[in-house]
mmCIF file of all heavy atoms, coordinates in Angstrom:
data_MODEL
# 
_entry.id   MODEL 
# 
loop_
_atom_site.group_PDB 
_atom_site.id 
_atom_site.type_symbol 
_atom_site.label_atom_id 
_atom_site.label_alt_id 
_atom_site.label_comp_id 
_atom_site.label_asym_id 
_atom_site.label_entity_id 
_atom_site.label_seq_id 
_atom_site.pdbx_PDB_ins_code 
_atom_site.Cartn_x 
_atom_site.Cartn_y 
_atom_site.Cartn_z 
_atom_site.occupancy 
_atom_site.B_iso_or_equiv 
_atom_site.pdbx_formal_charge 
_atom_site.auth_seq_id 
_atom_site.auth_comp_id 
_atom_site.auth_asym_id 
_atom_site.auth_atom_id 
_atom_site.pdbx_PDB_model_num 
ATOM 1   N N   . VAL A 1 1  ? 15.031 -52.916 28.761 1.00 0.00 ? 1  VAL A N   1 
ATOM 2   C CA  . VAL A 1 1  ? 13.910 -52.843 27.841 1.00 0.00 ? 1  VAL A CA  1 
ATOM 3   C C   . VAL A 1 1  ? 14.120 -53.919 26.785 1.00 0.00 ? 1  VAL A C   1 
ATOM 4   O O   . VAL A 1 1  ? 15.191 -53.993 26.170 1.00 0.00 ? 1  VAL A O   1 
ATOM 5   C CB  . VAL A 1 1  ? 13.783 -51.461 27.193 1.00 0.00 ? 1  VAL A CB  1 
ATOM 6   C CG1 . VAL A 1 1  ? 12.632 -51.438 26.201 1.00 0.00 ? 1  VAL A CG1 1 
ATOM 7   C CG2 . VAL A 1 1  ? 13.583 -50.388 28.259 1.00 0.00 ? 1  VAL A CG2 1 
ATOM 8   N N   . TYR A 1 2  ? 13.118 -54.748 26.585 1.00 0.00 ? 2  TYR A N   1 
ATOM 9   C CA  . TYR A 1 2  ? 13.186 -55.839 25.625 1.00 0.00 ? 2  TYR A CA  1 
ATOM 10  C C   . TYR A 1 2  ? 12.407 -55.452 24.377 1.00 0.00 ? 2  TYR A C   1 
ATOM 11  O O   . TYR A 1 2  ? 11.243 -55.050 24.459 1.00 0.00 ? 2  TYR A O   1 
ATOM 12  C CB  . TYR A 1 2  ? 12.632 -57.121 26.237 1.00 0.00 ? 2  TYR A CB  1 
ATOM 13  C CG  . TYR A 1 2  ? 13.585 -57.759 27.208 1.00 0.00 ? 2  TYR A CG  1 
ATOM 14  C CD1 . TYR A 1 2  ? 13.841 -57.169 28.438 1.00 0.00 ? 2  TYR A CD1 1 
ATOM 15  C CD2 . TYR A 1 2  ? 14.257 -58.942 26.899 1.00 0.00 ? 2  TYR A CD2 1 
ATOM 16  C CE1 . TYR A 1 2  ? 14.739 -57.726 29.331 1.00 0.00 ? 2  TYR A CE1 1 
ATOM 17  C CE2 . TYR A 1 2  ? 15.147 -59.517 27.781 1.00 0.00 ? 2  TYR A CE2 1 
ATOM 18  C CZ  . TYR A 1 2  ? 15.385 -58.902 28.996 1.00 0.00 ? 2  TYR A CZ  1 
ATOM 19  O OH  . TYR A 1 2  ? 16.275 -59.470 29.880 1.00 0.00 ? 2  TYR A OH  1 
ATOM 20  N N   . TYR A 1 3  ? 13.058 -55.594 23.220 1.00 0.00 ? 3  TYR A N   1 
ATOM 21  C CA  . TYR A 1 3  ? 12.494 -55.190 21.940 1.00 0.00 ? 3  TYR A CA  1 
ATOM 22  C C   . TYR A 1 3  ? 12.297 -56.383 21.027 1.00 0.00 ? 3  TYR A C   1 
ATOM 23  O O   . TYR A 1 3  ? 13.192 -57.227 20.895 1.00 0.00 ? 3  TYR A O   1 
ATOM 24  C CB  . TYR A 1 3  ? 13.427 -54.199 21.226 1.00 0.00 ? 3  TYR A CB  1 
ATOM 25  C CG  . TYR A 1 3  ? 13.615 -52.885 21.945 1.00 0.00 ? 3  TYR A CG  1 
ATOM 26  C CD1 . TYR A 1 3  ? 14.644 -52.716 22.855 1.00 0.00 ? 3  TYR A CD1 1 
ATOM 27  C CD2 . TYR A 1 3  ? 12.770 -51.811 21.696 1.00 0.00 ? 3  TYR A CD2 1 
ATOM 28  C CE1 . TYR A 1 3  ? 14.831 -51.513 23.505 1.00 0.00 ? 3  TYR A CE1 1 
ATOM 29  C CE2 . TYR A 1 3  ? 12.952 -50.603 22.344 1.00 0.00 ? 3  TYR A CE2 1 
ATOM 30  C CZ  . TYR A 1 3  ? 13.988 -50.455 23.243 1.00 0.00 ? 3  TYR A CZ  1 
ATOM 31  O OH  . TYR A 1 3  ? 14.167 -49.252 23.878 1.00 0.00 ? 3  TYR A OH  1 
ATOM 32  N N   . CYS A 1 4  ? 11.155 -56.445 20.383 1.00 0.00 ? 4  CYS A N   1 
ATOM 33  C CA  . CYS A 1 4  ? 10.909 -57.430 19.349 1.00 0.00 ? 4  CYS A CA  1 
ATOM 34  C C   . CYS A 1 4  ? 11.489 -56.931 18.030 1.00 0.00 ? 4  CYS A C   1 
ATOM 35  O O   . CYS A 1 4  ? 11.463 -55.730 17.744 1.00 0.00 ? 4  CYS A O   1 
ATOM 36  C CB  . CYS A 1 4  ? 9.409  -57.679 19.214 1.00 0.00 ? 4  CYS A CB  1 
ATOM 37  S SG  . CYS A 1 4  ? 8.958  -59.020 18.092 1.00 0.00 ? 4  CYS A SG  1 
ATOM 38  N N   . ARG A 1 5  ? 11.998 -57.866 17.225 1.00 0.00 ? 5  ARG A N   1 
ATOM 39  C CA  . ARG A 1 5  ? 12.616 -57.546 15.949 1.00 0.00 ? 5  ARG A CA  1 
ATOM 40  C C   . ARG A 1 5  ? 12.143 -58.546 14.899 1.00 0.00 ? 5  ARG A C   1 
ATOM 41  O O   . ARG A 1 5  ? 12.070 -59.740 15.166 1.00 0.00 ? 5  ARG A O   1 
ATOM 42  C CB  . ARG A 1 5  ? 14.148 -57.608 16.076 1.00 0.00 ? 5  ARG A CB  1 
ATOM 43  C CG  . ARG A 1 5  ? 14.921 -57.562 14.774 1.00 0.00 ? 5  ARG A CG  1 
ATOM 44  C CD  . ARG A 1 5  ? 14.954 -56.177 14.187 1.00 0.00 ? 5  ARG A CD  1 
ATOM 45  N NE  . ARG A 1 5  ? 15.793 -56.123 12.999 1.00 0.00 ? 5  ARG A NE  1 
ATOM 46  C CZ  . ARG A 1 5  ? 16.052 -55.029 12.301 1.00 0.00 ? 5  ARG A CZ  1 
ATOM 47  N NH1 . ARG A 1 5  ? 15.554 -53.859 12.686 1.00 0.00 ? 5  ARG A NH1 1 
ATOM 48  N NH2 . ARG A 1 5  ? 16.818 -55.086 11.227 1.00 0.00 ? 5  ARG A NH2 1 
ATOM 49  N N   . SER A 1 6  ? 11.835 -58.056 13.700 1.00 0.00 ? 6  SER A N   1 
ATOM 50  C CA  . SER A 1 6  ? 11.554 -58.921 12.567 1.00 0.00 ? 6  SER A CA  1 
ATOM 51  C C   . SER A 1 6  ? 12.445 -58.535 11.406 1.00 0.00 ? 6  SER A C   1 
ATOM 52  O O   . SER A 1 6  ? 12.811 -57.369 11.257 1.00 0.00 ? 6  SER A O   1 
ATOM 53  C CB  . SER A 1 6  ? 10.084 -58.847 12.152 1.00 0.00 ? 6  SER A CB  1 
ATOM 54  O OG  . SER A 1 6  ? 9.785  -57.598 11.563 1.00 0.00 ? 6  SER A OG  1 
ATOM 55  N N   . ASP A 1 7  ? 12.777 -59.532 10.575 1.00 0.00 ? 7  ASP A N   1 
ATOM 56  C CA  . ASP A 1 7  ? 13.617 -59.314 9.406  1.00 0.00 ? 7  ASP A CA  1 
ATOM 57  C C   . ASP A 1 7  ? 13.097 -60.101 8.226  1.00 0.00 ? 7  ASP A C   1 
ATOM 58  O O   . ASP A 1 7  ? 12.749 -61.278 8.359  1.00 0.00 ? 7  ASP A O   1 
ATOM 59  C CB  . ASP A 1 7  ? 15.058 -59.733 9.673  1.00 0.00 ? 7  ASP A CB  1 
ATOM 60  C CG  . ASP A 1 7  ? 15.795 -58.785 10.580 1.00 0.00 ? 7  ASP A CG  1 
ATOM 61  O OD1 . ASP A 1 7  ? 16.238 -57.733 10.099 1.00 0.00 ? 7  ASP A OD1 1 
ATOM 62  O OD2 . ASP A 1 7  ? 15.931 -59.103 11.777 1.00 0.00 ? 7  ASP A OD2 1 
ATOM 63  N N   . TYR A 1 8  ? 13.040 -59.446 7.066  1.00 0.00 ? 8  TYR A N   1 
ATOM 64  C CA  . TYR A 1 8  ? 12.865 -60.156 5.814  1.00 0.00 ? 8  TYR A CA  1 
ATOM 65  C C   . TYR A 1 8  ? 14.208 -60.731 5.385  1.00 0.00 ? 8  TYR A C   1 
ATOM 66  O O   . TYR A 1 8  ? 15.272 -60.321 5.868  1.00 0.00 ? 8  TYR A O   1 
ATOM 67  C CB  . TYR A 1 8  ? 12.348 -59.218 4.732  1.00 0.00 ? 8  TYR A CB  1 
ATOM 68  C CG  . TYR A 1 8  ? 10.970 -58.652 4.971  1.00 0.00 ? 8  TYR A CG  1 
ATOM 69  C CD1 . TYR A 1 8  ? 10.743 -57.285 4.882  1.00 0.00 ? 8  TYR A CD1 1 
ATOM 70  C CD2 . TYR A 1 8  ? 9.893  -59.479 5.260  1.00 0.00 ? 8  TYR A CD2 1 
ATOM 71  C CE1 . TYR A 1 8  ? 9.487  -56.760 5.083  1.00 0.00 ? 8  TYR A CE1 1 
ATOM 72  C CE2 . TYR A 1 8  ? 8.633  -58.961 5.465  1.00 0.00 ? 8  TYR A CE2 1 
ATOM 73  C CZ  . TYR A 1 8  ? 8.439  -57.597 5.373  1.00 0.00 ? 8  TYR A CZ  1 
ATOM 74  O OH  . TYR A 1 8  ? 7.179  -57.069 5.571  1.00 0.00 ? 8  TYR A OH  1 
ATOM 75  N N   . ALA A 1 9  ? 14.166 -61.681 4.447  1.00 0.00 ? 9  ALA A N   1 
ATOM 76  C CA  . ALA A 1 9  ? 15.397 -62.249 3.917  1.00 0.00 ? 9  ALA A CA  1 
ATOM 77  C C   . ALA A 1 9  ? 16.263 -61.188 3.251  1.00 0.00 ? 9  ALA A C   1 
ATOM 78  O O   . ALA A 1 9  ? 17.491 -61.327 3.196  1.00 0.00 ? 9  ALA A O   1 
ATOM 79  C CB  . ALA A 1 9  ? 15.084 -63.378 2.937  1.00 0.00 ? 9  ALA A CB  1 
ATOM 80  N N   . SER A 1 10 ? 15.644 -60.137 2.753  1.00 0.00 ? 10 SER A N   1 
ATOM 81  C CA  . SER A 1 10 ? 16.370 -59.040 2.125  1.00 0.00 ? 10 SER A CA  1 
ATOM 82  C C   . SER A 1 10 ? 17.185 -58.224 3.114  1.00 0.00 ? 10 SER A C   1 
ATOM 83  O O   . SER A 1 10 ? 18.045 -57.438 2.708  1.00 0.00 ? 10 SER A O   1 
ATOM 84  C CB  . SER A 1 10 ? 15.395 -58.123 1.402  1.00 0.00 ? 10 SER A CB  1 
ATOM 85  O OG  . SER A 1 10 ? 14.533 -57.485 2.322  1.00 0.00 ? 10 SER A OG  1 
ATOM 86  N N   . GLY A 1 11 ? 16.909 -58.377 4.400  1.00 0.00 ? 11 GLY A N   1 
ATOM 87  C CA  . GLY A 1 11 ? 17.567 -57.598 5.421  1.00 0.00 ? 11 GLY A CA  1 
ATOM 88  C C   . GLY A 1 11 ? 16.744 -56.442 5.952  1.00 0.00 ? 11 GLY A C   1 
ATOM 89  O O   . GLY A 1 11 ? 17.152 -55.811 6.935  1.00 0.00 ? 11 GLY A O   1 
ATOM 90  N N   . ILE A 1 12 ? 15.618 -56.145 5.328  1.00 0.00 ? 12 ILE A N   1 
ATOM 91  C CA  . ILE A 1 12 ? 14.736 -55.103 5.830  1.00 0.00 ? 12 ILE A CA  1 
ATOM 92  C C   . ILE A 1 12 ? 14.106 -55.574 7.134  1.00 0.00 ? 12 ILE A C   1 
ATOM 93  O O   . ILE A 1 12 ? 13.553 -56.681 7.204  1.00 0.00 ? 12 ILE A O   1 
ATOM 94  C CB  . ILE A 1 12 ? 13.648 -54.750 4.813  1.00 0.00 ? 12 ILE A CB  1 
ATOM 95  C CG1 . ILE A 1 12 ? 14.286 -54.253 3.502  1.00 0.00 ? 12 ILE A CG1 1 
ATOM 96  C CG2 . ILE A 1 12 ? 12.688 -53.718 5.374  1.00 0.00 ? 12 ILE A CG2 1 
ATOM 97  C CD1 . ILE A 1 12 ? 15.098 -52.987 3.664  1.00 0.00 ? 12 ILE A CD1 1 
ATOM 98  N N   . GLY A 1 13 ? 14.174 -54.754 8.152  1.00 0.00 ? 13 GLY A N   1 
ATOM 99  C CA  . GLY A 1 13 ? 13.686 -55.141 9.456  1.00 0.00 ? 13 GLY A CA  1 
ATOM 100 C C   . GLY A 1 13 ? 12.832 -54.086 10.113 1.00 0.00 ? 13 GLY A C   1 
ATOM 101 O O   . GLY A 1 13 ? 12.763 -52.940 9.666  1.00 0.00 ? 13 GLY A O   1 
ATOM 102 N N   . SER A 1 14 ? 12.188 -54.495 11.208 1.00 0.00 ? 14 SER A N   1 
ATOM 103 C CA  . SER A 1 14 ? 11.333 -53.611 11.988 1.00 0.00 ? 14 SER A CA  1 
ATOM 104 C C   . SER A 1 14 ? 11.587 -53.838 13.466 1.00 0.00 ? 14 SER A C   1 
ATOM 105 O O   . SER A 1 14 ? 11.988 -54.934 13.879 1.00 0.00 ? 14 SER A O   1 
ATOM 106 C CB  . SER A 1 14 ? 9.854  -53.866 11.679 1.00 0.00 ? 14 SER A CB  1 
ATOM 107 O OG  . SER A 1 14 ? 9.552  -53.618 10.319 1.00 0.00 ? 14 SER A OG  1 
ATOM 108 N N   . TRP A 1 15 ? 11.348 -52.807 14.248 1.00 0.00 ? 15 TRP A N   1 
ATOM 109 C CA  . TRP A 1 15 ? 11.459 -52.867 15.701 1.00 0.00 ? 15 TRP A CA  1 
ATOM 110 C C   . TRP A 1 15 ? 10.116 -52.605 16.352 1.00 0.00 ? 15 TRP A C   1 
ATOM 111 O O   . TRP A 1 15 ? 9.334  -51.773 15.885 1.00 0.00 ? 15 TRP A O   1 
ATOM 112 C CB  . TRP A 1 15 ? 12.444 -51.811 16.220 1.00 0.00 ? 15 TRP A CB  1 
ATOM 113 C CG  . TRP A 1 15 ? 13.877 -52.045 15.889 1.00 0.00 ? 15 TRP A CG  1 
ATOM 114 C CD1 . TRP A 1 15 ? 14.616 -51.423 14.939 1.00 0.00 ? 15 TRP A CD1 1 
ATOM 115 C CD2 . TRP A 1 15 ? 14.760 -52.964 16.536 1.00 0.00 ? 15 TRP A CD2 1 
ATOM 116 N NE1 . TRP A 1 15 ? 15.906 -51.888 14.940 1.00 0.00 ? 15 TRP A NE1 1 
ATOM 117 C CE2 . TRP A 1 15 ? 16.025 -52.837 15.917 1.00 0.00 ? 15 TRP A CE2 1 
ATOM 118 C CE3 . TRP A 1 15 ? 14.612 -53.882 17.577 1.00 0.00 ? 15 TRP A CE3 1 
ATOM 119 C CZ2 . TRP A 1 15 ? 17.133 -53.598 16.301 1.00 0.00 ? 15 TRP A CZ2 1 
ATOM 120 C CZ3 . TRP A 1 15 ? 15.706 -54.633 17.954 1.00 0.00 ? 15 TRP A CZ3 1 
ATOM 121 C CH2 . TRP A 1 15 ? 16.946 -54.486 17.326 1.00 0.00 ? 15 TRP A CH2 1 
ATOM 122 N N   . GLY A 1 16 ? 9.858  -53.308 17.441 1.00 0.00 ? 16 GLY A N   1 
ATOM 123 C CA  . GLY A 1 16 ? 8.753  -52.955 18.301 1.00 0.00 ? 16 GLY A CA  1 
ATOM 124 C C   . GLY A 1 16 ? 9.117  -51.789 19.197 1.00 0.00 ? 16 GLY A C   1 
ATOM 125 O O   . GLY A 1 16 ? 10.243 -51.273 19.171 1.00 0.00 ? 16 GLY A O   1 
ATOM 126 N N   . GLN A 1 17 ? 8.161  -51.366 20.003 1.00 0.00 ? 17 GLN A N   1 
ATOM 127 C CA  . GLN A 1 17 ? 8.372  -50.197 20.859 1.00 0.00 ? 17 GLN A CA  1 
ATOM 128 C C   . GLN A 1 17 ? 9.115  -50.526 22.146 1.00 0.00 ? 17 GLN A C   1 
ATOM 129 O O   . GLN A 1 17 ? 9.602  -49.614 22.825 1.00 0.00 ? 17 GLN A O   1 
ATOM 130 C CB  . GLN A 1 17 ? 7.027  -49.543 21.189 1.00 0.00 ? 17 GLN A CB  1 
ATOM 131 C CG  . GLN A 1 17 ? 6.261  -50.174 22.349 1.00 0.00 ? 17 GLN A CG  1 
ATOM 132 C CD  . GLN A 1 17 ? 5.639  -51.520 22.023 1.00 0.00 ? 17 GLN A CD  1 
ATOM 133 O OE1 . GLN A 1 17 ? 5.606  -51.953 20.876 1.00 0.00 ? 17 GLN A OE1 1 
ATOM 134 N NE2 . GLN A 1 17 ? 5.135  -52.199 23.054 1.00 0.00 ? 17 GLN A NE2 1 
ATOM 135 N N   . GLY A 1 18 ? 9.202  -51.789 22.491 1.00 0.00 ? 18 GLY A N   1 
ATOM 136 C CA  . GLY A 1 18 ? 9.888  -52.226 23.691 1.00 0.00 ? 18 GLY A CA  1 
ATOM 137 C C   . GLY A 1 18 ? 8.959  -52.421 24.869 1.00 0.00 ? 18 GLY A C   1 
ATOM 138 O O   . GLY A 1 18 ? 7.927  -51.769 24.985 1.00 0.00 ? 18 GLY A O   1 
ATOM 139 N N   . THR A 1 19 ? 9.341  -53.339 25.753 1.00 0.00 ? 19 THR A N   1 
ATOM 140 C CA  . THR A 1 19 ? 8.617  -53.570 26.996 1.00 0.00 ? 19 THR A CA  1 
ATOM 141 C C   . THR A 1 19 ? 9.628  -53.709 28.129 1.00 0.00 ? 19 THR A C   1 
ATOM 142 O O   . THR A 1 19 ? 10.647 -54.383 27.988 1.00 0.00 ? 19 THR A O   1 
ATOM 143 C CB  . THR A 1 19 ? 7.708  -54.812 26.892 1.00 0.00 ? 19 THR A CB  1 
ATOM 144 O OG1 . THR A 1 19 ? 6.942  -54.954 28.085 1.00 0.00 ? 19 THR A OG1 1 
ATOM 145 C CG2 . THR A 1 19 ? 8.503  -56.082 26.645 1.00 0.00 ? 19 THR A CG2 1 
ATOM 146 N N   . GLN A 1 20 ? 9.363  -53.045 29.234 1.00 0.00 ? 20 GLN A N   1 
ATOM 147 C CA  . GLN A 1 20 ? 10.305 -52.999 30.344 1.00 0.00 ? 20 GLN A CA  1 
ATOM 148 C C   . GLN A 1 20 ? 10.231 -54.270 31.173 1.00 0.00 ? 20 GLN A C   1 
ATOM 149 O O   . GLN A 1 20 ? 9.151  -54.707 31.569 1.00 0.00 ? 20 GLN A O   1 
ATOM 150 C CB  . GLN A 1 20 ? 10.018 -51.785 31.239 1.00 0.00 ? 20 GLN A CB  1 
ATOM 151 C CG  . GLN A 1 20 ? 10.902 -51.688 32.479 1.00 0.00 ? 20 GLN A CG  1 
ATOM 152 C CD  . GLN A 1 20 ? 12.329 -51.323 32.153 1.00 0.00 ? 20 GLN A CD  1 
ATOM 153 O OE1 . GLN A 1 20 ? 12.579 -50.408 31.370 1.00 0.00 ? 20 GLN A OE1 1 
ATOM 154 N NE2 . GLN A 1 20 ? 13.279 -52.058 32.750 1.00 0.00 ? 20 GLN A NE2 1 
ATOM 155 N N   . VAL A 1 21 ? 11.398 -54.849 31.437 1.00 0.00 ? 21 VAL A N   1 
ATOM 156 C CA  . VAL A 1 21 ? 11.535 -55.967 32.363 1.00 0.00 ? 21 VAL A CA  1 
ATOM 157 C C   . VAL A 1 21 ? 12.437 -55.511 33.502 1.00 0.00 ? 21 VAL A C   1 
ATOM 158 O O   . VAL A 1 21 ? 13.568 -55.078 33.268 1.00 0.00 ? 21 VAL A O   1 
ATOM 159 C CB  . VAL A 1 21 ? 12.125 -57.209 31.678 1.00 0.00 ? 21 VAL A CB  1 
ATOM 160 C CG1 . VAL A 1 21 ? 12.463 -58.285 32.711 1.00 0.00 ? 21 VAL A CG1 1 
ATOM 161 C CG2 . VAL A 1 21 ? 11.156 -57.743 30.639 1.00 0.00 ? 21 VAL A CG2 1 
ATOM 162 N N   . THR A 1 22 ? 11.939 -55.602 34.716 1.00 0.00 ? 22 THR A N   1 
ATOM 163 C CA  . THR A 1 22 ? 12.708 -55.225 35.893 1.00 0.00 ? 22 THR A CA  1 
ATOM 164 C C   . THR A 1 22 ? 12.747 -56.405 36.853 1.00 0.00 ? 22 THR A C   1 
ATOM 165 O O   . THR A 1 22 ? 11.699 -56.927 37.240 1.00 0.00 ? 22 THR A O   1 
ATOM 166 C CB  . THR A 1 22 ? 12.099 -54.006 36.592 1.00 0.00 ? 22 THR A CB  1 
ATOM 167 O OG1 . THR A 1 22 ? 12.029 -52.909 35.676 1.00 0.00 ? 22 THR A OG1 1 
ATOM 168 C CG2 . THR A 1 22 ? 12.942 -53.602 37.796 1.00 0.00 ? 22 THR A CG2 1 
ATOM 169 N N   . VAL A 1 23 ? 13.949 -56.815 37.230 1.00 0.00 ? 23 VAL A N   1 
ATOM 170 C CA  . VAL A 1 23 ? 14.151 -57.938 38.137 1.00 0.00 ? 23 VAL A CA  1 
ATOM 171 C C   . VAL A 1 23 ? 14.738 -57.400 39.429 1.00 0.00 ? 23 VAL A C   1 
ATOM 172 O O   . VAL A 1 23 ? 15.842 -56.849 39.436 1.00 0.00 ? 23 VAL A O   1 
ATOM 173 C CB  . VAL A 1 23 ? 15.069 -59.005 37.524 1.00 0.00 ? 23 VAL A CB  1 
ATOM 174 C CG1 . VAL A 1 23 ? 15.164 -60.210 38.458 1.00 0.00 ? 23 VAL A CG1 1 
ATOM 175 C CG2 . VAL A 1 23 ? 14.558 -59.422 36.154 1.00 0.00 ? 23 VAL A CG2 1 
ATOM 176 N N   . SER A 1 24 ? 14.013 -57.544 40.510 1.00 0.00 ? 24 SER A N   1 
ATOM 177 C CA  . SER A 1 24 ? 14.449 -57.039 41.797 1.00 0.00 ? 24 SER A CA  1 
ATOM 178 C C   . SER A 1 24 ? 15.281 -58.082 42.524 1.00 0.00 ? 24 SER A C   1 
ATOM 179 O O   . SER A 1 24 ? 15.049 -59.288 42.411 1.00 0.00 ? 24 SER A O   1 
ATOM 180 C CB  . SER A 1 24 ? 13.247 -56.633 42.647 1.00 0.00 ? 24 SER A CB  1 
ATOM 181 O OG  . SER A 1 24 ? 12.414 -57.750 42.922 1.00 0.00 ? 24 SER A OG  1 
# 
């Protein structure tokens, strides 16, 4: 599962909900 992340310079951050990547 790949998650997006953002950060302010202060260190406060947020996460996305994630998206599944499957490689066969």
